[in-house]
PDB file of N, CA and C in Angstrom:
ATOM      1  N   MET A   1      15.488   7.250  -0.382  1.00  0.00           N
ATOM      2  CA  MET A   1      15.461   5.790   0.124  1.00  0.00           C
ATOM      3  C   MET A   1      14.198   5.312   0.659  1.00  0.00           C
ATOM      4  N   ARG A   2      13.328   6.198   1.235  1.00  0.00           N
ATOM      5  CA  ARG A   2      12.073   6.028   1.642  1.00  0.00           C
ATOM      6  C   ARG A   2      11.128   5.702   0.564  1.00  0.00           C
ATOM      7  N   MET A   3      11.250   6.312  -0.461  1.00  0.00           N
ATOM      8  CA  MET A   3      10.489   5.922  -1.659  1.00  0.00           C
ATOM      9  C   MET A   3      10.789   4.696  -2.276  1.00  0.00           C
ATOM     10  N   ILE A   4      12.130   4.168  -2.125  1.00  0.00           N
ATOM     11  CA  ILE A   4      12.355   2.818  -2.591  1.00  0.00           C
ATOM     12  C   ILE A   4      11.690   1.850  -1.704  1.00  0.00           C
ATOM     13  N   ILE A   5      11.750   1.987  -0.206  1.00  0.00           N
ATOM     14  CA  ILE A   5      11.219   1.105   0.577  1.00  0.00           C
ATOM     15  C   ILE A   5       9.581   1.079   0.452  1.00  0.00           C
ATOM     16  N   TYR A   6       9.200   2.287   0.078  1.00  0.00           N
ATOM     17  CA  TYR A   6       7.472   2.375  -0.155  1.00  0.00           C
ATOM     18  C   TYR A   6       7.242   1.471  -1.343  1.00  0.00           C
ATOM     19  N   ARG A   7       7.931   1.644  -2.305  1.00  0.00           N
ATOM     20  CA  ARG A   7       7.615   0.807  -3.607  1.00  0.00           C
ATOM     21  C   ARG A   7       8.034  -0.595  -3.389  1.00  0.00           C
ATOM     22  N   LEU A   8       8.887  -1.098  -2.608  1.00  0.00           N
ATOM     23  CA  LEU A   8       9.238  -2.412  -2.356  1.00  0.00           C
ATOM     24  C   LEU A   8       8.026  -3.015  -1.496  1.00  0.00           C
ATOM     25  N   LEU A   9       7.552  -2.191  -0.509  1.00  0.00           N
ATOM     26  CA  LEU A   9       6.402  -2.609   0.184  1.00  0.00           C
ATOM     27  C   LEU A   9       5.129  -2.857  -0.540  1.00  0.00           C
ATOM     28  N   SER A  10       5.136  -2.086  -1.752  1.00  0.00           N
ATOM     29  CA  SER A  10       4.013  -2.160  -2.673  1.00  0.00           C
ATOM     30  C   SER A  10       4.051  -3.585  -3.346  1.00  0.00           C
ATOM     31  N   ILE A  11       5.332  -3.990  -3.683  1.00  0.00           N
ATOM     32  CA  ILE A  11       5.434  -5.294  -4.279  1.00  0.00           C
ATOM     33  C   ILE A  11       5.280  -6.378  -3.423  1.00  0.00           C
ATOM     34  N   VAL A  12       5.617  -6.243  -2.111  1.00  0.00           N
ATOM     35  CA  VAL A  12       5.423  -7.256  -1.219  1.00  0.00           C
ATOM     36  C   VAL A  12       3.859  -7.511  -0.871  1.00  0.00           C
ATOM     37  N   LEU A  13       3.234  -6.343  -1.077  1.00  0.00           N
ATOM     38  CA  LEU A  13       1.618  -6.348  -0.810  1.00  0.00           C
ATOM     39  C   LEU A  13       1.058  -7.185  -1.959  1.00  0.00           C
ATOM     40  N   ILE A  14       1.592  -7.022  -3.250  1.00  0.00           N
ATOM     41  CA  ILE A  14       0.999  -7.774  -4.340  1.00  0.00           C
ATOM     42  C   ILE A  14       1.252  -9.315  -4.123  1.00  0.00           C
ATOM     43  N   MET A  15       2.470  -9.619  -3.448  1.00  0.00           N
ATOM     44  CA  MET A  15       2.805 -11.028  -3.250  1.00  0.00           C
ATOM     45  C   MET A  15       1.940 -11.611  -2.146  1.00  0.00           C
ATOM     46  N   ASP A  16       1.555 -10.645  -1.334  1.00  0.00           N
ATOM     47  CA  ASP A  16       0.708 -11.004  -0.116  1.00  0.00           C
ATOM     48  C   ASP A  16      -0.606 -11.363  -0.436  1.00  0.00           C
ATOM     49  N   LEU A  17      -1.012 -10.552  -1.291  1.00  0.00           N
ATOM     50  CA  LEU A  17      -2.521 -10.799  -1.943  1.00  0.00           C
ATOM     51  C   LEU A  17      -2.650 -12.086  -2.737  1.00  0.00           C
ATOM     52  N   ILE A  18      -1.402 -12.215  -3.425  1.00  0.00           N
ATOM     53  CA  ILE A  18      -1.515 -13.817  -4.034  1.00  0.00           C
ATOM     54  C   ILE A  18      -1.351 -14.975  -3.029  1.00  0.00           C
ATOM     55  N   ALA A  19      -0.818 -14.703  -1.994  1.00  0.00           N
ATOM     56  CA  ALA A  19      -0.640 -15.587  -0.825  1.00  0.00           C
ATOM     57  C   ALA A  19      -2.014 -15.632  -0.198  1.00  0.00           C
ATOM     58  N   ILE A  20      -2.779 -14.707  -0.048  1.00  0.00           N
ATOM     59  CA  ILE A  20      -4.291 -14.744   0.434  1.00  0.00           C
ATOM     60  C   ILE A  20      -4.998 -15.488  -0.219  1.00  0.00           C
ATOM     61  N   VAL A  21      -5.040 -15.340  -1.576  1.00  0.00           N
ATOM     62  CA  VAL A  21      -5.698 -16.147  -2.574  1.00  0.00           C
ATOM     63  C   VAL A  21      -5.453 -17.793  -2.482  1.00  0.00           C
ATOM     64  N   TYR A  22      -4.223 -18.000  -2.492  1.00  0.00           N
ATOM     65  CA  TYR A  22      -3.704 -19.424  -2.321  1.00  0.00           C
ATOM     66  C   TYR A  22      -4.204 -19.882  -1.057  1.00  0.00           C
ATOM     67  N   PHE A  23      -4.009 -19.113   0.055  1.00  0.00           N
ATOM     68  CA  PHE A  23      -4.355 -19.859   1.348  1.00  0.00           C
ATOM     69  C   PHE A  23      -5.980 -20.061   1.556  1.00  0.00           C
ATOM     70  N   LEU A  24      -6.678 -19.103   0.993  1.00  0.00           N
ATOM     71  CA  LEU A  24      -8.042 -19.460   0.872  1.00  0.00           C
ATOM     72  C   LEU A  24      -8.488 -20.482  -0.101  1.00  0.00           C
ATOM     73  N   SER A  25      -7.980 -20.640  -1.269  1.00  0.00           N
ATOM     74  CA  SER A  25      -8.161 -21.895  -2.096  1.00  0.00           C
ATOM     75  C   SER A  25      -7.922 -23.135  -1.539  1.00  0.00           C
ATOM     76  N   VAL A  26      -6.846 -23.195  -0.813  1.00  0.00           N
ATOM     77  CA  VAL A  26      -6.646 -24.639   0.012  1.00  0.00           C
ATOM     78  C   VAL A  26      -7.072 -24.822   1.176  1.00  0.00           C
ATOM     79  N   LYS A  27      -7.888 -23.739   1.735  1.00  0.00           N
ATOM     80  CA  LYS A  27      -8.580 -23.631   2.958  1.00  0.00           C
ATOM     81  C   LYS A  27      -7.695 -23.922   4.110  1.00  0.00           C
ATOM     82  N   TYR A  28      -6.543 -22.978   4.155  1.00  0.00           N
ATOM     83  CA  TYR A  28      -5.551 -22.991   5.097  1.00  0.00           C
ATOM     84  C   TYR A  28      -5.939 -21.608   5.857  1.00  0.00           C
ATOM     85  N   MET A  29      -6.973 -21.606   6.844  1.00  0.00           N
ATOM     86  CA  MET A  29      -7.237 -20.415   7.422  1.00  0.00           C
ATOM     87  C   MET A  29      -6.385 -19.600   8.163  1.00  0.00           C
ATOM     88  N   SER A  30      -5.574 -20.354   8.888  1.00  0.00           N
ATOM     89  CA  SER A  30      -4.386 -19.701   9.909  1.00  0.00           C
ATOM     90  C   SER A  30      -3.523 -18.869   8.967  1.00  0.00           C
ATOM     91  N   GLY A  31      -3.205 -19.498   7.820  1.00  0.00           N
ATOM     92  CA  GLY A  31      -2.251 -18.628   6.840  1.00  0.00           C
ATOM     93  C   GLY A  31      -2.894 -17.543   6.151  1.00  0.00           C
ATOM     94  N   ALA A  32      -4.210 -17.629   5.825  1.00  0.00           N
ATOM     95  CA  ALA A  32      -5.000 -16.559   5.345  1.00  0.00           C
ATOM     96  C   ALA A  32      -5.051 -15.284   6.485  1.00  0.00           C
ATOM     97  N   TYR A  33      -5.334 -15.816   7.763  1.00  0.00           N
ATOM     98  CA  TYR A  33      -5.420 -14.660   8.713  1.00  0.00           C
ATOM     99  C   TYR A  33      -4.164 -14.048   8.871  1.00  0.00           C
ATOM    100  N   ALA A  34      -2.975 -14.809   8.797  1.00  0.00           N
ATOM    101  CA  ALA A  34      -1.544 -14.202   8.941  1.00  0.00           C
ATOM    102  C   ALA A  34      -1.335 -13.331   7.769  1.00  0.00           C
ATOM    103  N   ALA A  35      -1.784 -13.744   6.573  1.00  0.00           N
ATOM    104  CA  ALA A  35      -1.550 -12.950   5.339  1.00  0.00           C
ATOM    105  C   ALA A  35      -2.378 -11.580   5.449  1.00  0.00           C
ATOM    106  N   PHE A  36      -3.601 -11.787   6.030  1.00  0.00           N
ATOM    107  CA  PHE A  36      -4.476 -10.460   6.177  1.00  0.00           C
ATOM    108  C   PHE A  36      -3.790  -9.520   7.172  1.00  0.00           C
ATOM    109  N   THR A  37      -3.285 -10.023   8.205  1.00  0.00           N
ATOM    110  CA  THR A  37      -2.608  -9.129   9.199  1.00  0.00           C
ATOM    111  C   THR A  37      -1.260  -8.549   8.661  1.00  0.00           C
ATOM    112  N   LEU A  38      -0.783  -9.259   7.630  1.00  0.00           N
ATOM    113  CA  LEU A  38       0.568  -8.613   7.086  1.00  0.00           C
ATOM    114  C   LEU A  38       0.005  -7.527   6.070  1.00  0.00           C
ATOM    115  N   VAL A  39      -1.054  -7.771   5.376  1.00  0.00           N
ATOM    116  CA  VAL A  39      -1.608  -6.694   4.441  1.00  0.00           C
ATOM    117  C   VAL A  39      -1.863  -5.306   5.463  1.00  0.00           C
ATOM    118  N   ALA A  40      -2.471  -5.559   6.572  1.00  0.00           N
ATOM    119  CA  ALA A  40      -2.833  -4.291   7.310  1.00  0.00           C
ATOM    120  C   ALA A  40      -1.458  -3.709   7.923  1.00  0.00           C
ATOM    121  N   THR A  41      -0.481  -4.370   8.100  1.00  0.00           N
ATOM    122  CA  THR A  41       0.810  -4.031   8.581  1.00  0.00           C
ATOM    123  C   THR A  41       1.600  -3.353   7.518  1.00  0.00           C
ATOM    124  N   ILE A  42       1.612  -3.790   6.339  1.00  0.00           N
ATOM    125  CA  ILE A  42       2.213  -3.073   5.113  1.00  0.00           C
ATOM    126  C   ILE A  42       1.367  -1.705   4.897  1.00  0.00           C
ATOM    127  N   LEU A  43       0.177  -1.895   4.958  1.00  0.00           N
ATOM    128  CA  LEU A  43      -0.599  -0.524   4.609  1.00  0.00           C
ATOM    129  C   LEU A  43      -0.252   0.547   5.672  1.00  0.00           C
ATOM    130  N   LEU A  44      -0.229   0.087   6.934  1.00  0.00           N
ATOM    131  CA  LEU A  44       0.056   1.069   7.986  1.00  0.00           C
ATOM    132  C   LEU A  44       1.610   1.642   7.830  1.00  0.00           C
ATOM    133  N   ALA A  45       2.558   0.761   7.358  1.00  0.00           N
ATOM    134  CA  ALA A  45       3.827   1.266   7.244  1.00  0.00           C
ATOM    135  C   ALA A  45       3.942   2.089   6.023  1.00  0.00           C
ATOM    136  N   GLN A  46       3.103   1.985   4.954  1.00  0.00           N
ATOM    137  CA  GLN A  46       3.279   2.863   3.872  1.00  0.00           C
ATOM    138  C   GLN A  46       2.660   4.166   4.049  1.00  0.00           C
ATOM    139  N   ILE A  47       1.682   4.224   4.946  1.00  0.00           N
ATOM    140  CA  ILE A  47       0.946   5.493   5.322  1.00  0.00           C
ATOM    141  C   ILE A  47       2.043   6.287   6.186  1.00  0.00           C
ATOM    142  N   CYS A  48       2.660   5.571   7.142  1.00  0.00           N
ATOM    143  CA  CYS A  48       3.644   6.366   7.966  1.00  0.00           C
ATOM    144  C   CYS A  48       5.031   6.600   7.562  1.00  0.00           C
ATOM    145  N   LEU A  49       5.230   5.951   6.447  1.00  0.00           N
ATOM    146  CA  LEU A  49       6.651   6.133   5.831  1.00  0.00           C
ATOM    147  C   LEU A  49       6.861   7.539   5.224  1.00  0.00           C
ATOM    148  N   ILE A  50       5.983   7.998   4.535  1.00  0.00           N
ATOM    149  CA  ILE A  50       6.475   9.141   3.736  1.00  0.00           C
ATOM    150  C   ILE A  50       5.443  10.335   4.263  1.00  0.00           C
ATOM    151  N   ARG A  51       6.076  11.581   4.334  1.00  0.00           N
ATOM    152  CA  ARG A  51       5.503  12.728   4.900  1.00  0.00           C
ATOM    153  C   ARG A  51       5.846  13.841   3.957  1.00  0.00           C
ATOM    154  N   CYS A  52       5.067  14.638   3.305  1.00  0.00           N
ATOM    155  CA  CYS A  52       5.633  15.841   2.650  1.00  0.00           C
ATOM    156  C   CYS A  52       5.842  16.914   3.438  1.00  0.00           C
ATOM    157  N   LYS A  53       6.528  17.944   2.829  1.00  0.00           N
ATOM    158  CA  LYS A  53       6.859  19.176   3.461  1.00  0.00           C
ATOM    159  C   LYS A  53       5.776  19.972   3.936  1.00  0.00           C
ATOM    160  N   CYS A  54       4.574  19.697   3.200  1.00  0.00           N
ATOM    161  CA  CYS A  54       3.295  20.384   3.605  1.00  0.00           C
ATOM    162  C   CYS A  54       2.528  19.869   4.540  1.00  0.00           C
ATOM    163  N   GLY A  55       2.955  18.597   5.099  1.00  0.00           N
ATOM    164  CA  GLY A  55       2.342  17.948   6.205  1.00  0.00           C
ATOM    165  C   GLY A  55       1.417  17.095   5.717  1.00  0.00           C
ATOM    166  N   CYS A  56       1.122  16.753   4.499  1.00  0.00           N
ATOM    167  CA  CYS A  56       0.233  15.628   3.952  1.00  0.00           C
ATOM    168  C   CYS A  56       1.057  14.307   3.927  1.00  0.00           C
ATOM    169  N   ARG A  57       0.201  13.234   4.218  1.00  0.00           N
ATOM    170  CA  ARG A  57       0.622  11.917   4.173  1.00  0.00           C
ATOM    171  C   ARG A  57       0.251  11.402   2.819  1.00  0.00           C
ATOM    172  N   PRO A  58       0.876  11.391   1.719  1.00  0.00           N
ATOM    173  CA  PRO A  58       0.434  11.049   0.465  1.00  0.00           C
ATOM    174  C   PRO A  58      -0.026   9.536   0.474  1.00  0.00           C
ATOM    175  N   GLY A  59       0.706   8.519   1.151  1.00  0.00           N
ATOM    176  CA  GLY A  59       0.315   7.151   1.254  1.00  0.00           C
ATOM    177  C   GLY A  59      -1.186   7.126   1.922  1.00  0.00           C
ATOM    178  N   LEU A  60      -1.419   7.871   2.800  1.00  0.00           N
ATOM    179  CA  LEU A  60      -2.906   7.829   3.330  1.00  0.00           C
ATOM    180  C   LEU A  60      -3.865   8.424   2.352  1.00  0.00           C
ATOM    181  N   ARG A  61      -3.492   9.341   1.719  1.00  0.00           N
ATOM    182  CA  ARG A  61      -4.485   9.977   0.778  1.00  0.00           C
ATOM    183  C   ARG A  61      -4.783   9.065  -0.422  1.00  0.00           C
ATOM    184  N   VAL A  62      -3.716   8.469  -0.937  1.00  0.00           N
ATOM    185  CA  VAL A  62      -3.940   7.549  -2.096  1.00  0.00           C
ATOM    186  C   VAL A  62      -4.851   6.507  -1.563  1.00  0.00           C
ATOM    187  N   LEU A  63      -4.412   5.912  -0.529  1.00  0.00           N
ATOM    188  CA  LEU A  63      -5.190   4.684   0.215  1.00  0.00           C
ATOM    189  C   LEU A  63      -6.555   4.993   0.244  1.00  0.00           C
ATOM    190  N   VAL A  64      -6.886   6.249   0.830  1.00  0.00           N
ATOM    191  CA  VAL A  64      -8.304   6.424   1.223  1.00  0.00           C
ATOM    192  C   VAL A  64      -9.176   6.759  -0.159  1.00  0.00           C
ATOM    193  N   ILE A  65      -8.475   7.438  -1.068  1.00  0.00           N
ATOM    194  CA  ILE A  65      -9.039   7.528  -2.267  1.00  0.00           C
ATOM    195  C   ILE A  65      -9.637   6.300  -2.933  1.00  0.00           C
ATOM    196  N   TRP A  66      -8.712   5.381  -2.943  1.00  0.00           N
ATOM    197  CA  TRP A  66      -8.955   4.278  -3.850  1.00  0.00           C
ATOM    198  C   TRP A  66      -9.621   3.195  -3.068  1.00  0.00           C
ATOM    199  N   THR A  67      -9.570   3.195  -1.771  1.00  0.00           N
ATOM    200  CA  THR A  67     -10.442   2.508  -0.860  1.00  0.00           C
ATOM    201  C   THR A  67     -11.915   2.815  -1.063  1.00  0.00           C
ATOM    202  N   LEU A  68     -12.131   4.028  -0.934  1.00  0.00           N
ATOM    203  CA  LEU A  68     -13.626   4.611  -0.999  1.00  0.00           C
ATOM    204  C   LEU A  68     -14.127   4.227  -2.423  1.00  0.00           C
ATOM    205  N   LEU A  69     -13.333   4.152  -3.535  1.00  0.00           N
ATOM    206  CA  LEU A  69     -13.716   3.938  -4.823  1.00  0.00           C
ATOM    207  C   LEU A  69     -13.692   2.630  -5.055  1.00  0.00           C
ATOM    208  N   LEU A  70     -13.287   1.594  -3.912  1.00  0.00           N
ATOM    209  CA  LEU A  70     -13.387   0.104  -4.078  1.00  0.00           C
ATOM    210  C   LEU A  70     -12.515  -0.285  -5.234  1.00  0.00           C
ATOM    211  N   ASP A  71     -11.242   0.279  -5.611  1.00  0.00           N
ATOM    212  CA  ASP A  71     -10.329  -0.248  -6.665  1.00  0.00           C
ATOM    213  C   ASP A  71      -8.984  -0.394  -6.117  1.00  0.00           C
ATOM    214  N   PHE A  72      -8.691  -1.498  -5.745  1.00  0.00           N
ATOM    215  CA  PHE A  72      -7.350  -2.067  -5.168  1.00  0.00           C
ATOM    216  C   PHE A  72      -6.246  -2.078  -6.296  1.00  0.00           C
ATOM    217  N   GLU A  73      -6.752  -2.385  -7.442  1.00  0.00           N
ATOM    218  CA  GLU A  73      -5.672  -2.535  -8.532  1.00  0.00           C
ATOM    219  C   GLU A  73      -5.077  -0.996  -8.833  1.00  0.00           C
ATOM    220  N   LEU A  74      -5.927  -0.091  -8.812  1.00  0.00           N
ATOM    221  CA  LEU A  74      -5.493   1.260  -8.966  1.00  0.00           C
ATOM    222  C   LEU A  74      -4.741   2.054  -7.866  1.00  0.00           C
ATOM    223  N   TYR A  75      -5.064   1.430  -6.750  1.00  0.00           N
ATOM    224  CA  TYR A  75      -4.170   1.735  -5.529  1.00  0.00           C
ATOM    225  C   TYR A  75      -2.665   1.315  -5.729  1.00  0.00           C
ATOM    226  N   ILE A  76      -2.608  -0.006  -5.941  1.00  0.00           N
ATOM    227  CA  ILE A  76      -1.408  -0.613  -6.135  1.00  0.00           C
ATOM    228  C   ILE A  76      -0.573   0.163  -7.332  1.00  0.00           C
ATOM    229  N   ALA A  77      -1.247   0.623  -8.519  1.00  0.00           N
ATOM    230  CA  ALA A  77      -0.748   1.243  -9.586  1.00  0.00           C
ATOM    231  C   ALA A  77      -0.041   2.675  -9.136  1.00  0.00           C
ATOM    232  N   ASP A  78      -1.056   3.319  -8.324  1.00  0.00           N
ATOM    233  CA  ASP A  78      -0.669   4.839  -7.831  1.00  0.00           C
ATOM    234  C   ASP A  78       0.360   4.702  -6.737  1.00  0.00           C
ATOM    235  N   SER A  79       0.412   3.618  -5.948  1.00  0.00           N
ATOM    236  CA  SER A  79       1.460   3.465  -4.742  1.00  0.00           C
ATOM    237  C   SER A  79       2.756   3.218  -5.532  1.00  0.00           C
ATOM    238  N   LEU A  80       2.801   2.516  -6.570  1.00  0.00           N
ATOM    239  CA  LEU A  80       3.987   2.159  -7.215  1.00  0.00           C
ATOM    240  C   LEU A  80       4.716   3.390  -7.982  1.00  0.00           C
ATOM    241  N   LEU A  81       3.699   4.164  -8.547  1.00  0.00           N
ATOM    242  CA  LEU A  81       4.095   5.361  -9.553  1.00  0.00           C
ATOM    243  C   LEU A  81       4.027   6.751  -8.633  1.00  0.00           C
ATOM    244  N   LEU A  82       3.880   6.642  -7.474  1.00  0.00           N
ATOM    245  CA  LEU A  82       3.881   7.852  -6.528  1.00  0.00           C
ATOM    246  C   LEU A  82       5.104   8.716  -6.515  1.00  0.00           C
ATOM    247  N   ARG A  83       5.082   9.829  -7.185  1.00  0.00           N
ATOM    248  CA  ARG A  83       6.350  10.724  -7.340  1.00  0.00           C
ATOM    249  C   ARG A  83       6.022  12.123  -6.600  1.00  0.00           C
ATOM    250  N   ARG A  84       4.881  12.556  -6.760  1.00  0.00           N
ATOM    251  CA  ARG A  84       4.512  13.912  -6.435  1.00  0.00           C
ATOM    252  C   ARG A  84       3.418  13.927  -5.254  1.00  0.00           C
ATOM    253  N   CYS A  85       3.420  14.938  -4.269  1.00  0.00           N
ATOM    254  CA  CYS A  85       2.334  14.853  -3.425  1.00  0.00           C
ATOM    255  C   CYS A  85       0.940  15.319  -3.854  1.00  0.00           C
ATOM    256  N   PRO A  86      -0.042  14.593  -3.744  1.00  0.00           N
ATOM    257  CA  PRO A  86      -1.239  14.991  -4.237  1.00  0.00           C
ATOM    258  C   PRO A  86      -1.836  16.222  -3.761  1.00  0.00           C
ATOM    259  N   ASN A  87      -1.409  16.640  -2.675  1.00  0.00           N
ATOM    260  CA  ASN A  87      -1.854  17.819  -2.063  1.00  0.00           C
ATOM    261  C   ASN A  87      -1.296  19.176  -2.634  1.00  0.00           C
ATOM    262  N   CYS A  88       0.130  19.198  -2.731  1.00  0.00           N
ATOM    263  CA  CYS A  88       1.038  20.522  -3.165  1.00  0.00           C
ATOM    264  C   CYS A  88       1.656  20.201  -4.417  1.00  0.00           C
ATOM    265  N   LYS A  89       1.586  19.010  -4.955  1.00  0.00           N
ATOM    266  CA  LYS A  89       2.324  18.754  -6.236  1.00  0.00           C
ATOM    267  C   LYS A  89       3.756  18.909  -6.243  1.00  0.00           C
ATOM    268  N   ARG A  90       4.559  18.753  -5.059  1.00  0.00           N
ATOM    269  CA  ARG A  90       6.004  18.721  -4.926  1.00  0.00           C
ATOM    270  C   ARG A  90       6.465  17.450  -5.130  1.00  0.00           C
ATOM    271  N   ASP A  91       7.720  17.361  -5.533  1.00  0.00           N
ATOM    272  CA  ASP A  91       8.306  16.013  -5.695  1.00  0.00           C
ATOM    273  C   ASP A  91       8.639  15.471  -4.351  1.00  0.00           C
ATOM    274  N   LEU A  92       8.518  14.080  -4.245  1.00  0.00           N
ATOM    275  CA  LEU A  92       8.633  13.376  -2.884  1.00  0.00           C
ATOM    276  C   LEU A  92       9.889  12.828  -2.887  1.00  0.00           C
ATOM    277  N   GLN A  93      10.854  12.971  -3.863  1.00  0.00           N
ATOM    278  CA  GLN A  93      12.185  12.242  -3.764  1.00  0.00           C
ATOM    279  C   GLN A  93      13.073  13.432  -3.465  1.00  0.00           C
TER     280      GLN A  93
END
């Protein structure tokens, strides 16, 4: 069930990024600030949602890797397709 919620949050994150672009294009800054806050909340929820038996938080690891490489599109792809722990290679479901 947690993996389904994790993936649904990834889809909501994509829609929120589209909303940020829209709000910035029409210069509605308070909506953009609210959408940025929602992005941070979604990312924190994804980090805290899944914990492997080895103690690793796969959401945090995937976020850190793709944030350091500055590739948000691959973060979305990895978060939607996350099935195994990147640390111990166990199934998360």
